Amino acid sequence: MTKITPQPGIMDIALYQSGTAHVKGVSNVIKLSSNENPYGPSPKAIAAVQDSAAMLHRYPSSDHAGLRTAIGEQHGLNPEQVICGAGSDEIIAFLCQAYAGPGDEVLYTEHGFSMYRISALAAGATPVEVHERERVTDVDALLAGCTDRTKLVFIANPNNPTGTMIGAAEVARLADGLPPHAILVLDGAYAEYVSGFDAGVEIINARSNVVMTRTFSKLYGLGGIRVGWGYGPEDIIDVLNRLRGPFNVSASALVAAEAAIRDTAYVEFCLEENTKWRGWLAEALAALGVPSDTSCANFILARFSDHAEAEGCDAYLQSQGLIVRKVAGYNLPNALRITVGDENACRRIVDAVAAFKGGVK
């Protein structure tokens, strides 16, 4: 009897573990495990979703023209070079499906987003992990890791879960040093948190081998509705659109994202609050003997003396109704990733870590 089996590589995929949202036996928890905006989405985005409810029987736009136009206007981009997806995860999957397969390699850094590996395996390609240098993307290591089989190189800039980033000159050096058949993918999920940062637009516009992915899940607070986008050379975007389902983004997601990106006053409020409390949280934790690298995102990677202390602190935080993210699966067993929440959440985290460090275990 013939045995039904999936394509090679699929059974090597470990199920994705999202940030925990509940603690058994503890009520009124504060979730700081998924880098969500503590203030939620723009009121204008909420209103847009509510208005869209009356049209749930209609298919959404298949060309996403309204959202692509809004993205183009806000970021100074050609809308024809923008593709929308069900979160940036879908754009990442499209890239692997289109450009990598059996016999090909997909490079990513050792502390990089787990979806790079998952999407590579799903496409039948071989994921290749490259070392970072003190939790920072190492361009030389990535270039050394390239072979004639390399088809895609993923870096998140700023990176998750480290919060670190590299400058434009280093990104350009990486792009220019890749094999001629390889594409550099810049994951800009946290790009908005860096003042004056174009997420690599200049680099993309000057080259034919670089694309970027972006999301509405973080700063814009739309993680629950799944919408993201990508930008790159027209020929690459054309290829990705040939894979994209015609109705891959819901009507509610499209109007919510358009309203969110146009509500610049709310965006500025969220950015200012994140900057303020990110700095405060990092300094307060450092004063307790819990250092972190300078974060360019909306989270802190808190480092402990060893794995046991990180595990112990996580357990104590959970007992206090505070959920953060363990990152041993990202090769960071001695660390906890803590989303920057509002003032109350940040103060509660610091008080709880202080109590733990003081011997309450």
Protein backbone atom coordinates (compact mmCIF):
# COMPACT_ATOMS: atom_id res chain seq x y z
CA MET A 1 0.00 0.00 0.00
CA THR A 2 1.31 3.43 -0.92
CA LYS A 3 2.00 5.63 2.10
CA ILE A 4 0.75 9.19 1.86
CA THR A 5 3.59 11.54 2.77
CA PRO A 6 4.08 15.32 2.66
CA GLN A 7 6.72 17.05 0.58
CA PRO A 8 10.33 16.81 1.83
CA GLY A 9 11.16 19.33 4.54
CA ILE A 10 7.65 19.82 5.89
CA MET A 11 7.99 17.32 8.75
CA ASP A 12 11.21 19.11 9.78
CA ILE A 13 9.16 22.19 10.64
CA ALA A 14 8.63 22.70 14.36
CA LEU A 15 5.22 24.20 15.05
CA TYR A 16 5.46 27.97 15.54
CA GLN A 17 5.09 28.99 19.17
CA SER A 18 3.35 32.35 19.56
CA GLY A 19 3.61 34.51 22.66
CA THR A 20 1.67 33.14 25.62
CA ALA A 21 -1.51 35.06 26.44
CA HIS A 22 -2.80 33.32 29.58
CA VAL A 23 -1.47 32.02 32.89
CA LYS A 24 -3.39 29.22 34.54
CA GLY A 25 -4.92 30.36 37.81
CA VAL A 26 -3.96 34.01 37.32
CA SER A 27 -6.44 36.66 36.22
CA ASN A 28 -5.92 40.20 34.93
CA VAL A 29 -2.64 39.34 33.23
CA ILE A 30 -0.58 41.84 31.26
CA LYS A 31 0.64 40.31 28.00
CA LEU A 32 4.10 41.51 27.02
CA SER A 33 5.11 38.49 24.95
CA SER A 34 4.17 39.39 21.36
CA ASN A 35 5.40 42.98 20.83
CA GLU A 36 1.86 44.29 20.45
CA ASN A 37 0.99 47.97 20.68
CA PRO A 38 -0.24 48.47 24.27
CA TYR A 39 -2.56 51.27 23.12
CA GLY A 40 -4.27 49.16 20.47
CA PRO A 41 -5.14 50.29 16.95
CA SER A 42 -6.10 53.77 15.86
CA PRO A 43 -9.73 54.65 16.70
CA LYS A 44 -10.08 55.44 13.00
CA ALA A 45 -9.04 51.88 12.13
CA ILE A 46 -11.60 50.49 14.58
CA ALA A 47 -14.31 52.68 13.04
CA ALA A 48 -13.32 51.52 9.55
CA VAL A 49 -13.67 47.87 10.57
CA GLN A 50 -17.04 48.53 12.16
CA ASP A 51 -18.25 50.26 8.99
CA SER A 52 -17.04 47.32 6.90
CA ALA A 53 -19.24 44.85 8.77
CA ALA A 54 -22.26 45.66 6.63
CA MET A 55 -20.37 44.51 3.54
CA LEU A 56 -19.12 41.15 4.78
CA HIS A 57 -21.03 39.42 1.98
CA ARG A 58 -18.88 41.17 -0.64
CA TYR A 59 -15.48 39.96 -1.78
CA PRO A 60 -12.60 42.32 -0.97
CA SER A 61 -10.61 44.20 -3.56
CA SER A 62 -8.33 41.85 -5.43
CA ASP A 63 -5.76 44.50 -6.35
CA HIS A 64 -5.58 46.26 -2.94
CA ALA A 65 -5.33 49.56 -4.80
CA GLY A 66 -6.62 51.72 -1.95
CA LEU A 67 -4.14 50.39 0.59
CA ARG A 68 -1.24 50.31 -1.86
CA THR A 69 -1.93 53.94 -2.73
CA ALA A 70 -2.00 54.92 0.95
CA ILE A 71 1.28 53.08 1.57
CA GLY A 72 2.81 54.80 -1.44
CA GLU A 73 1.71 58.23 -0.28
CA GLN A 74 2.93 57.78 3.29
CA HIS A 75 6.31 56.30 2.36
CA GLY A 76 6.99 57.95 -1.00
CA LEU A 77 6.78 54.67 -2.92
CA ASN A 78 5.45 53.62 -6.29
CA PRO A 79 2.24 51.66 -5.46
CA GLU A 80 2.94 49.38 -8.42
CA GLN A 81 5.94 48.07 -6.51
CA VAL A 82 3.88 47.26 -3.39
CA ILE A 83 2.28 43.90 -2.64
CA CYS A 84 -0.11 43.26 0.27
CA GLY A 85 -0.44 40.07 2.24
CA ALA A 86 -2.03 38.43 5.25
CA GLY A 87 0.74 39.74 7.48
CA SER A 88 4.35 40.02 6.36
CA ASP A 89 4.60 36.27 7.03
CA GLU A 90 2.71 35.66 3.80
CA ILE A 91 5.12 37.83 1.81
CA ILE A 92 8.03 35.85 3.30
CA ALA A 93 6.31 32.61 2.25
CA PHE A 94 5.73 33.96 -1.27
CA LEU A 95 9.43 34.80 -1.61
CA CYS A 96 10.50 31.31 -0.57
CA GLN A 97 7.88 29.67 -2.77
CA ALA A 98 8.89 31.76 -5.79
CA TYR A 99 12.66 31.75 -5.50
CA ALA A 100 13.79 28.75 -3.43
CA GLY A 101 13.17 25.04 -3.72
CA PRO A 102 14.88 21.64 -3.45
CA GLY A 103 18.63 22.05 -3.75
CA ASP A 104 18.53 25.76 -2.89
CA GLU A 105 19.63 27.45 0.34
CA VAL A 106 17.99 30.24 2.37
CA LEU A 107 20.26 32.16 4.75
CA TYR A 108 19.21 33.89 7.96
CA THR A 109 20.95 34.96 11.16
CA GLU A 110 21.14 32.85 14.32
CA HIS A 111 18.72 35.05 16.28
CA GLY A 112 16.48 35.73 13.28
CA PHE A 113 12.70 35.34 12.98
CA SER A 114 11.67 31.66 12.96
CA MET A 115 9.42 32.08 9.91
CA TYR A 116 12.49 32.32 7.65
CA ARG A 117 13.40 28.73 8.47
CA ILE A 118 9.78 27.55 8.38
CA SER A 119 9.06 29.11 4.99
CA ALA A 120 12.30 27.77 3.53
CA LEU A 121 11.47 24.23 4.63
CA ALA A 122 7.90 24.57 3.37
CA ALA A 123 9.31 25.40 -0.07
CA GLY A 124 11.63 22.39 0.02
CA ALA A 125 14.75 24.54 0.38
CA THR A 126 17.54 24.15 2.93
CA PRO A 127 17.63 26.77 5.71
CA VAL A 128 21.15 27.90 6.68
CA GLU A 129 21.75 29.65 9.99
CA VAL A 130 24.63 32.16 10.14
CA HIS A 131 26.25 33.48 13.32
CA GLU A 132 25.70 37.02 14.55
CA ARG A 133 28.31 39.12 16.32
CA GLU A 134 27.24 39.92 19.89
CA ARG A 135 23.55 39.77 18.91
CA VAL A 136 24.07 42.01 15.85
CA THR A 137 23.80 40.96 12.18
CA ASP A 138 27.27 40.12 10.86
CA VAL A 139 27.54 41.03 7.17
CA ASP A 140 30.87 39.28 6.74
CA ALA A 141 29.45 36.04 8.18
CA LEU A 142 26.45 36.22 5.85
CA LEU A 143 28.63 36.81 2.80
CA ALA A 144 30.90 33.95 3.83
CA GLY A 145 27.83 31.73 4.20
CA CYS A 146 26.70 32.27 0.61
CA THR A 147 27.24 29.54 -1.96
CA ASP A 148 26.15 28.90 -5.53
CA ARG A 149 22.98 27.41 -3.98
CA THR A 150 22.01 30.55 -2.03
CA LYS A 151 18.77 32.06 -3.36
CA LEU A 152 17.48 34.20 -0.47
CA VAL A 153 19.15 36.02 2.43
CA PHE A 154 16.85 37.28 5.21
CA ILE A 155 17.77 39.90 7.78
CA ALA A 156 15.43 41.75 10.12
CA ASN A 157 16.54 45.34 10.64
CA PRO A 158 15.89 46.08 13.50
CA ASN A 159 16.13 42.45 14.46
CA ASN A 160 13.69 40.45 16.56
CA PRO A 161 14.29 39.33 19.30
CA THR A 162 17.53 41.27 19.82
CA GLY A 163 16.29 44.79 18.99
CA THR A 164 19.64 45.60 17.35
CA MET A 165 20.22 46.87 13.82
CA ILE A 166 22.92 47.61 11.27
CA GLY A 167 23.37 50.80 9.26
CA ALA A 168 22.58 51.50 5.63
CA ALA A 169 26.21 51.19 4.54
CA GLU A 170 26.40 47.66 5.91
CA VAL A 171 23.08 46.68 4.32
CA ALA A 172 24.30 48.04 0.97
CA ARG A 173 27.56 46.13 1.34
CA LEU A 174 25.61 42.95 1.95
CA ALA A 175 23.37 43.53 -1.07
CA ASP A 176 26.31 44.26 -3.33
CA GLY A 177 28.29 41.25 -2.12
CA LEU A 178 25.62 38.60 -2.71
CA PRO A 179 25.86 36.09 -5.54
CA PRO A 180 24.11 37.41 -8.68
CA HIS A 181 21.29 34.88 -8.33
CA ALA A 182 20.43 35.76 -4.70
CA ILE A 183 17.84 38.18 -3.28
CA LEU A 184 18.32 40.14 -0.06
CA VAL A 185 15.12 40.41 1.98
CA LEU A 186 14.95 43.21 4.54
CA ASP A 187 12.35 42.42 7.19
CA GLY A 188 11.19 45.83 8.41
CA ALA A 189 8.55 44.75 10.93
CA TYR A 190 10.00 47.22 13.44
CA ALA A 191 11.30 49.85 11.03
CA GLU A 192 8.77 52.48 12.11
CA TYR A 193 10.32 52.60 15.58
CA VAL A 194 13.56 54.06 14.20
CA SER A 195 13.30 57.80 13.64
CA GLY A 196 14.17 58.88 10.11
CA PHE A 197 14.76 55.32 8.91
CA ASP A 198 13.54 54.42 5.41
CA ALA A 199 13.82 50.66 6.08
CA GLY A 200 16.03 50.26 3.02
CA VAL A 201 13.99 52.07 0.36
CA GLU A 202 17.03 53.88 -1.09
CA ILE A 203 18.96 50.63 -1.25
CA ILE A 204 16.05 48.87 -2.98
CA ASN A 205 15.52 51.68 -5.50
CA ALA A 206 19.16 51.52 -6.56
CA ARG A 207 19.32 47.74 -7.02
CA SER A 208 17.49 44.84 -8.59
CA ASN A 209 18.18 42.24 -5.88
CA VAL A 210 16.64 43.70 -2.71
CA VAL A 211 13.08 43.64 -1.37
CA MET A 212 11.57 44.51 2.00
CA THR A 213 8.64 43.27 4.04
CA ARG A 214 6.58 45.37 6.44
CA THR A 215 3.69 44.78 8.82
CA PHE A 216 0.68 46.46 10.39
CA SER A 217 0.87 44.11 13.38
CA LYS A 218 3.27 46.08 15.58
CA LEU A 219 3.10 49.88 15.62
CA TYR A 220 -0.32 49.97 13.96
CA GLY A 221 -1.84 47.49 16.41
CA LEU A 222 -3.52 45.29 13.79
CA GLY A 223 -1.95 41.91 14.62
CA GLY A 224 -5.36 40.31 15.05
CA ILE A 225 -6.56 41.20 11.56
CA ARG A 226 -3.45 40.03 9.63
CA VAL A 227 -2.19 42.52 7.09
CA GLY A 228 1.31 43.31 5.86
CA TRP A 229 3.07 44.40 2.70
CA GLY A 230 6.22 44.19 0.66
CA TYR A 231 8.15 46.54 -1.63
CA GLY A 232 10.74 45.78 -4.26
CA PRO A 233 11.69 45.83 -7.93
CA GLU A 234 8.66 45.57 -10.22
CA ASP A 235 9.75 42.26 -11.74
CA ILE A 236 10.00 40.59 -8.32
CA ILE A 237 6.67 42.03 -7.17
CA ASP A 238 5.12 40.78 -10.42
CA VAL A 239 6.34 37.25 -9.63
CA LEU A 240 4.96 37.39 -6.09
CA ASN A 241 1.58 38.61 -7.31
CA ARG A 242 1.33 35.54 -9.52
CA LEU A 243 1.42 33.41 -6.36
CA ARG A 244 -0.89 35.62 -4.33
CA GLY A 245 -4.48 34.50 -3.98
CA PRO A 246 -6.83 37.11 -5.46
CA PHE A 247 -8.57 37.74 -2.12
CA ASN A 248 -5.72 37.06 0.31
CA VAL A 249 -6.41 40.15 2.45
CA SER A 250 -9.91 40.65 3.85
CA ALA A 251 -11.96 43.76 3.19
CA SER A 252 -11.92 44.63 6.90
CA ALA A 253 -8.13 44.31 7.02
CA LEU A 254 -7.69 46.52 3.96
CA VAL A 255 -9.80 49.39 5.30
CA ALA A 256 -8.33 49.08 8.80
CA ALA A 257 -4.77 49.26 7.49
CA GLU A 258 -5.53 52.22 5.24
CA ALA A 259 -7.15 54.14 8.10
CA ALA A 260 -4.28 53.24 10.44
CA ILE A 261 -1.48 54.38 8.15
CA ARG A 262 -3.27 57.66 7.43
CA ASP A 263 -3.81 58.46 11.13
CA THR A 264 -0.38 60.03 11.54
CA ALA A 265 -1.26 61.81 14.80
CA TYR A 266 -2.02 58.49 16.49
CA VAL A 267 1.14 56.96 15.05
CA GLU A 268 3.23 59.78 16.51
CA PHE A 269 1.58 59.35 19.92
CA CYS A 270 2.40 55.62 19.96
CA LEU A 271 5.98 56.24 18.86
CA GLU A 272 6.57 58.89 21.51
CA GLU A 273 5.21 56.66 24.26
CA ASN A 274 7.29 53.71 23.12
CA THR A 275 10.48 55.78 23.00
CA LYS A 276 9.84 57.18 26.47
CA TRP A 277 9.06 53.90 28.21
CA ARG A 278 11.58 51.82 26.26
CA GLY A 279 14.39 54.00 27.61
CA TRP A 280 12.95 54.02 31.11
CA LEU A 281 12.49 50.25 31.17
CA ALA A 282 15.99 49.51 29.89
CA GLU A 283 17.59 51.83 32.44
CA ALA A 284 15.49 50.54 35.33
CA LEU A 285 16.30 46.91 34.51
CA ALA A 286 20.00 47.69 34.08
CA ALA A 287 20.00 49.24 37.56
CA LEU A 288 18.77 45.87 38.84
CA GLY A 289 21.62 44.01 37.14
CA VAL A 290 19.62 43.01 34.07
CA PRO A 291 21.34 44.56 31.03
CA SER A 292 20.08 44.82 27.46
CA ASP A 293 21.45 46.03 24.15
CA THR A 294 20.15 49.37 22.92
CA SER A 295 16.79 48.47 21.42
CA CYS A 296 15.59 50.02 18.18
CA ALA A 297 12.16 48.37 18.41
CA ASN A 298 9.24 48.09 20.86
CA PHE A 299 10.79 45.53 23.17
CA ILE A 300 13.78 44.95 25.42
CA LEU A 301 15.93 41.81 25.32
CA ALA A 302 16.66 41.44 29.04
CA ARG A 303 19.78 39.34 29.72
CA PHE A 304 20.27 37.29 32.88
CA SER A 305 23.31 35.54 34.34
CA ASP A 306 22.30 32.13 33.02
CA HIS A 307 19.42 30.03 31.72
CA ALA A 308 18.26 29.07 35.20
CA GLU A 309 17.91 32.70 36.30
CA ALA A 310 16.01 33.60 33.13
CA GLU A 311 13.65 30.66 33.66
CA GLY A 312 13.20 31.54 37.31
CA CYS A 313 12.42 35.16 36.56
CA ASP A 314 9.95 34.18 33.88
CA ALA A 315 8.13 31.88 36.30
CA TYR A 316 8.00 34.60 38.94
CA LEU A 317 6.71 37.18 36.46
CA GLN A 318 3.96 34.78 35.44
CA SER A 319 2.97 34.32 39.08
CA GLN A 320 2.52 38.09 39.19
CA GLY A 321 0.35 38.10 36.06
CA LEU A 322 3.11 39.36 33.76
CA ILE A 323 3.71 37.41 30.56
CA VAL A 324 6.97 37.94 28.67
CA ARG A 325 8.68 35.82 26.00
CA LYS A 326 11.30 33.15 26.60
CA VAL A 327 13.71 33.11 23.66
CA ALA A 328 15.78 29.97 24.15
CA GLY A 329 14.37 28.82 20.81
CA TYR A 330 16.16 31.81 19.24
CA ASN A 331 19.51 30.68 20.71
CA LEU A 332 19.16 33.11 23.61
CA PRO A 333 18.58 30.86 26.65
CA ASN A 334 19.78 33.46 29.15
CA ALA A 335 17.34 36.15 28.02
CA LEU A 336 13.70 37.21 28.14
CA ARG A 337 12.10 39.46 25.54
CA ILE A 338 9.86 42.04 27.16
CA THR A 339 7.45 44.13 25.09
CA VAL A 340 7.44 47.81 26.01
CA GLY A 341 3.99 48.33 27.49
CA ASP A 342 2.31 51.42 28.88
CA GLU A 343 3.52 53.10 32.08
CA ASN A 344 1.66 50.73 34.38
CA ALA A 345 3.00 47.64 32.63
CA CYS A 346 6.59 48.89 32.62
CA ARG A 347 6.49 49.80 36.30
CA ARG A 348 4.98 46.45 37.22
CA ILE A 349 7.69 44.60 35.30
CA VAL A 350 10.47 46.49 37.07
CA ASP A 351 8.87 46.01 40.51
CA ALA A 352 8.49 42.28 39.86
CA VAL A 353 12.07 41.84 38.59
CA ALA A 354 13.30 43.76 41.64
CA ALA A 355 11.36 41.43 43.91
CA PHE A 356 12.72 38.37 42.10
CA LYS A 357 16.30 39.63 42.24
CA GLY A 358 15.80 40.41 45.91
CA GLY A 359 15.09 36.79 46.69
CA VAL A 360 11.36 36.34 46.22
CA LYS A 361 11.33 33.19 44.10
